[in-house]
């Protein structure tokens, strides 16, 4: 399949987890992919496995300087960027009264400020490419309440996506957000959380959690020209949990 043939994509937080799954699918579909992460060891090992159409760039997504470096390295390796997937993010399972200001600002920097910086940094490259697609990974907690700080940032990503979509539409750049529910990643289905996840899945209308590739397939659709008339929109992958 070649749904992303001729496209150059940047995926943040791609050394493992959902970012890795997105990267593997993008490469299968013909893209050249720049994977970024703070975990240099895992990121470099992954691109060594993936081959010549992938490179790794170590990145702190909350650093404006690092974003400039990522764009520069992407253009040096593959040319102007067509696709940006703002995937990097963290969470913190603490009650609001237990979250420090330092905790809060760290989550905001990684989950929210990074999305702003990434969108702003990639625009000149996408203009050279003649347009592009930005996919911002939010969460079902960008639609309904969850943990304080995490929920706040995921709502912010949803709003930024809409505002940026209006700003960037005249340049041929589309911006959409993806809102996953519970995904069967190794962290979620490990032994100490498995029972809780199975119990929660009974509340989901489809009675199961999502497989990682089900989310990646949505991200692929938004990155591809198949979604050419979609911008400023929310794409929910939660098995129906937020519809209740």
Protein backbone atom coordinates (compact mmCIF):
# COMPACT_ATOMS: atom_id res chain seq x y z
CA UNK A 1 0.00 0.00 0.00
CA UNK A 2 1.20 3.55 -0.73
CA UNK A 3 -1.28 5.86 0.95
CA UNK A 4 1.58 8.10 2.11
CA UNK A 5 3.85 7.78 -0.90
CA UNK A 6 6.06 10.88 -1.41
CA UNK A 7 5.19 12.21 2.07
CA UNK A 8 7.63 13.21 4.80
CA UNK A 9 6.25 12.83 8.33
CA UNK A 10 7.42 13.85 11.79
CA UNK A 11 6.05 11.83 14.72
CA UNK A 12 6.87 12.92 18.27
CA UNK A 13 7.13 10.52 21.19
CA UNK A 14 7.84 7.77 18.69
CA UNK A 15 10.50 5.64 20.40
CA UNK A 16 7.83 3.35 21.85
CA UNK A 17 4.11 2.98 22.51
CA UNK A 18 1.55 4.51 20.18
CA UNK A 19 4.17 6.69 18.45
CA UNK A 20 6.09 3.59 17.41
CA UNK A 21 2.89 2.00 16.08
CA UNK A 22 2.12 5.14 14.04
CA UNK A 23 5.67 5.18 12.66
CA UNK A 24 5.61 1.54 11.58
CA UNK A 25 2.30 1.98 9.76
CA UNK A 26 3.43 5.20 8.06
CA UNK A 27 6.54 3.44 6.73
CA UNK A 28 4.44 0.53 5.47
CA UNK A 29 2.35 3.08 3.58
CA UNK A 30 5.32 4.66 1.82
CA UNK A 31 6.21 7.66 4.01
CA UNK A 32 9.65 8.81 5.04
CA UNK A 33 9.47 9.26 8.80
CA UNK A 34 11.33 11.35 11.36
CA UNK A 35 10.87 9.83 14.81
CA UNK A 36 11.54 12.08 17.81
CA UNK A 37 11.77 11.29 21.51
CA UNK A 38 13.88 12.01 24.59
CA UNK A 39 14.74 8.30 24.80
CA UNK A 40 17.70 8.27 22.43
CA UNK A 41 18.63 4.62 23.03
CA UNK A 42 15.20 3.22 22.16
CA UNK A 43 14.64 5.70 19.36
CA UNK A 44 17.92 4.95 17.60
CA UNK A 45 17.46 1.19 18.02
CA UNK A 46 14.03 1.46 16.43
CA UNK A 47 15.18 3.39 13.36
CA UNK A 48 18.10 0.98 12.94
CA UNK A 49 15.44 -1.73 12.63
CA UNK A 50 13.11 0.31 10.41
CA UNK A 51 15.69 1.11 7.74
CA UNK A 52 16.72 3.94 5.45
CA UNK A 53 13.34 5.69 5.27
CA UNK A 54 13.41 6.51 9.00
CA UNK A 55 15.67 8.74 11.07
CA UNK A 56 15.70 9.52 14.79
CA UNK A 57 16.17 12.98 16.32
CA UNK A 58 16.43 13.40 20.08
CA UNK A 59 13.94 16.07 21.12
CA UNK A 60 12.50 17.84 24.11
CA UNK A 61 9.11 18.73 22.60
CA UNK A 62 8.76 21.71 24.96
CA UNK A 63 11.91 23.33 23.51
CA UNK A 64 11.54 25.81 20.64
CA UNK A 65 15.20 25.27 19.77
CA UNK A 66 14.73 21.51 19.56
CA UNK A 67 11.77 21.99 17.21
CA UNK A 68 13.92 24.06 14.86
CA UNK A 69 16.52 21.29 14.90
CA UNK A 70 13.93 18.60 14.10
CA UNK A 71 12.62 20.52 11.08
CA UNK A 72 16.16 21.15 9.86
CA UNK A 73 17.13 17.48 10.20
CA UNK A 74 13.91 16.36 8.47
CA UNK A 75 14.52 18.63 5.47
CA UNK A 76 18.18 17.61 5.25
CA UNK A 77 17.27 13.92 5.18
CA UNK A 78 14.04 13.83 3.19
CA UNK A 79 12.93 17.31 2.05
CA UNK A 80 9.98 19.52 3.10
CA UNK A 81 7.58 18.08 5.66
CA UNK A 82 4.03 17.09 4.67
CA UNK A 83 2.79 15.56 7.93
CA UNK A 84 3.22 16.30 11.64
CA UNK A 85 1.82 13.99 14.31
CA UNK A 86 1.96 15.67 17.73
CA UNK A 87 1.89 12.42 19.68
CA UNK A 88 4.18 13.03 22.68
CA UNK A 89 2.41 13.32 26.02
CA UNK A 90 2.40 12.38 29.69
CA UNK A 91 -0.20 11.90 32.40
CA UNK A 92 -0.22 11.93 36.19
CA UNK A 93 -2.76 10.05 38.27
CA UNK A 94 -2.98 12.46 41.19
CA UNK A 95 -5.85 14.24 42.88
CA UNK A 96 -5.94 17.98 42.17
CA UNK A 97 -4.96 18.77 45.76
CA UNK A 98 -1.84 16.61 45.46
CA UNK A 99 -0.53 18.11 42.20
CA UNK A 100 2.21 20.70 42.68
CA UNK A 101 2.61 23.73 40.47
CA UNK A 102 5.80 22.14 39.14
CA UNK A 103 3.85 18.97 38.22
CA UNK A 104 1.16 21.01 36.54
CA UNK A 105 3.52 23.11 34.45
CA UNK A 106 5.46 20.03 33.33
CA UNK A 107 2.28 18.41 32.01
CA UNK A 108 1.23 21.65 30.31
CA UNK A 109 4.66 22.03 28.69
CA UNK A 110 4.77 18.49 27.31
CA UNK A 111 1.11 18.02 26.37
CA UNK A 112 0.07 21.52 25.35
CA UNK A 113 2.95 23.92 24.73
CA UNK A 114 4.68 21.28 22.58
CA UNK A 115 1.67 21.15 20.25
CA UNK A 116 1.75 24.93 19.77
CA UNK A 117 5.52 24.88 19.16
CA UNK A 118 5.29 21.97 16.72
CA UNK A 119 2.52 23.50 14.65
CA UNK A 120 4.28 26.85 14.48
CA UNK A 121 7.65 25.31 13.61
CA UNK A 122 6.40 23.06 10.81
CA UNK A 123 4.39 25.65 8.87
CA UNK A 124 7.28 27.08 6.77
CA UNK A 125 8.31 23.57 5.73
CA UNK A 126 4.73 22.61 4.86
CA UNK A 127 4.40 25.78 2.78
CA UNK A 128 7.44 24.64 0.78
CA UNK A 129 5.75 21.26 0.33
CA UNK A 130 2.60 22.93 -1.00
CA UNK A 131 0.49 22.08 2.05
CA UNK A 132 0.24 19.43 4.69
CA UNK A 133 -1.63 17.71 7.50
CA UNK A 134 -1.14 18.18 11.23
CA UNK A 135 -2.61 15.50 13.50
CA UNK A 136 -2.79 16.42 17.17
CA UNK A 137 -3.27 13.50 19.55
CA UNK A 138 -5.68 14.58 22.28
CA UNK A 139 -7.74 12.05 24.27
CA UNK A 140 -11.29 11.17 25.15
CA UNK A 141 -10.38 13.37 28.15
CA UNK A 142 -10.31 16.26 25.73
CA UNK A 143 -14.08 15.71 25.57
CA UNK A 144 -15.01 14.51 29.07
CA UNK A 145 -13.41 14.84 32.51
CA UNK A 146 -10.45 12.78 33.64
CA UNK A 147 -7.36 13.52 35.72
CA UNK A 148 -6.74 17.19 36.50
CA UNK A 149 -3.85 18.69 34.48
CA UNK A 150 -4.00 15.89 31.89
CA UNK A 151 -7.64 16.69 31.07
CA UNK A 152 -6.88 20.42 31.00
CA UNK A 153 -4.16 19.98 28.40
CA UNK A 154 -6.18 17.61 26.24
CA UNK A 155 -9.08 20.09 26.12
CA UNK A 156 -6.51 22.73 25.17
CA UNK A 157 -5.20 20.58 22.31
CA UNK A 158 -8.77 20.28 21.03
CA UNK A 159 -9.18 24.08 21.07
CA UNK A 160 -5.76 24.81 19.56
CA UNK A 161 -6.55 22.39 16.76
CA UNK A 162 -9.66 24.30 15.78
CA UNK A 163 -7.98 27.72 16.00
CA UNK A 164 -4.94 26.54 14.02
CA UNK A 165 -7.15 24.92 11.38
CA UNK A 166 -8.74 28.29 10.64
CA UNK A 167 -5.38 30.10 10.61
CA UNK A 168 -3.66 27.56 8.36
CA UNK A 169 -6.43 26.63 5.92
CA UNK A 170 -5.43 29.38 3.42
CA UNK A 171 -1.99 27.75 3.22
CA UNK A 172 -3.40 24.34 2.37
CA UNK A 173 -2.53 22.97 5.80
CA UNK A 174 -5.16 20.86 7.55
CA UNK A 175 -5.27 20.38 11.34
CA UNK A 176 -7.33 17.72 13.12
CA UNK A 177 -7.39 16.12 16.55
CA UNK A 178 -7.64 12.44 17.48
CA UNK A 179 -9.32 11.41 20.75
CA UNK A 180 -8.44 7.85 21.79
CA UNK A 181 -10.06 6.04 24.69
CA UNK A 182 -8.33 3.14 26.45
CA UNK A 183 -5.73 1.49 24.21
CA UNK A 184 -4.22 -1.97 24.77
CA UNK A 185 -0.62 -0.79 25.05
CA UNK A 186 1.87 -2.78 27.17
CA UNK A 187 1.59 -0.21 29.98
CA UNK A 188 -2.20 -0.53 30.10
CA UNK A 189 -2.42 -4.34 29.98
CA UNK A 190 0.44 -5.19 32.35
CA UNK A 191 -0.41 -7.53 35.23
CA UNK A 192 -1.00 -4.89 37.93
CA UNK A 193 -3.51 -2.97 35.79
CA UNK A 194 -5.02 -5.79 33.74
CA UNK A 195 -7.95 -6.49 36.09
CA UNK A 196 -8.91 -2.81 36.34
CA UNK A 197 -8.80 -2.43 32.55
CA UNK A 198 -10.96 -5.53 32.05
CA UNK A 199 -13.49 -4.18 34.56
CA UNK A 200 -13.57 -0.78 32.82
CA UNK A 201 -13.99 -2.40 29.40
CA UNK A 202 -17.41 -3.69 30.49
CA UNK A 203 -18.59 -0.06 30.60
CA UNK A 204 -17.54 0.53 26.99
CA UNK A 205 -20.39 0.02 24.49
CA UNK A 206 -18.14 -2.12 22.25
CA UNK A 207 -17.10 -4.12 25.37
CA UNK A 208 -13.36 -3.96 24.70
CA UNK A 209 -10.40 -1.63 24.65
CA UNK A 210 -8.84 -0.55 21.33
CA UNK A 211 -5.88 -2.20 19.67
CA UNK A 212 -3.04 0.26 18.97
CA UNK A 213 -3.34 -0.14 15.21
CA UNK A 214 -6.97 0.97 15.34
CA UNK A 215 -5.76 4.38 16.48
CA UNK A 216 -2.89 4.38 13.98
CA UNK A 217 -5.33 3.67 11.16
CA UNK A 218 -7.21 6.87 12.03
CA UNK A 219 -3.98 8.86 12.21
CA UNK A 220 -2.99 7.40 8.82
CA UNK A 221 -6.32 8.47 7.31
CA UNK A 222 -5.85 12.04 8.54
CA UNK A 223 -2.24 12.15 7.32
CA UNK A 224 -3.24 10.94 3.88
CA UNK A 225 -4.98 12.79 1.06
CA UNK A 226 -8.08 10.66 1.72
CA UNK A 227 -9.06 13.20 4.41
CA UNK A 228 -8.47 16.19 2.12
CA UNK A 229 -11.69 18.00 3.14
CA UNK A 230 -11.37 17.42 6.89
CA UNK A 231 -9.91 20.18 9.03
CA UNK A 232 -10.62 21.56 12.50
CA UNK A 233 -12.41 18.33 13.38
CA UNK A 234 -12.35 15.80 16.22
CA UNK A 235 -11.97 12.11 15.46
CA UNK A 236 -12.99 9.96 18.41
CA UNK A 237 -11.78 6.36 18.87
CA UNK A 238 -13.22 5.25 22.19
CA UNK A 239 -15.63 2.40 21.49
CA UNK A 240 -18.56 4.70 22.21
CA UNK A 241 -17.69 5.56 25.83
CA UNK A 242 -18.15 9.34 25.40
CA UNK A 243 -21.44 8.85 23.51
CA UNK A 244 -23.20 7.58 26.64
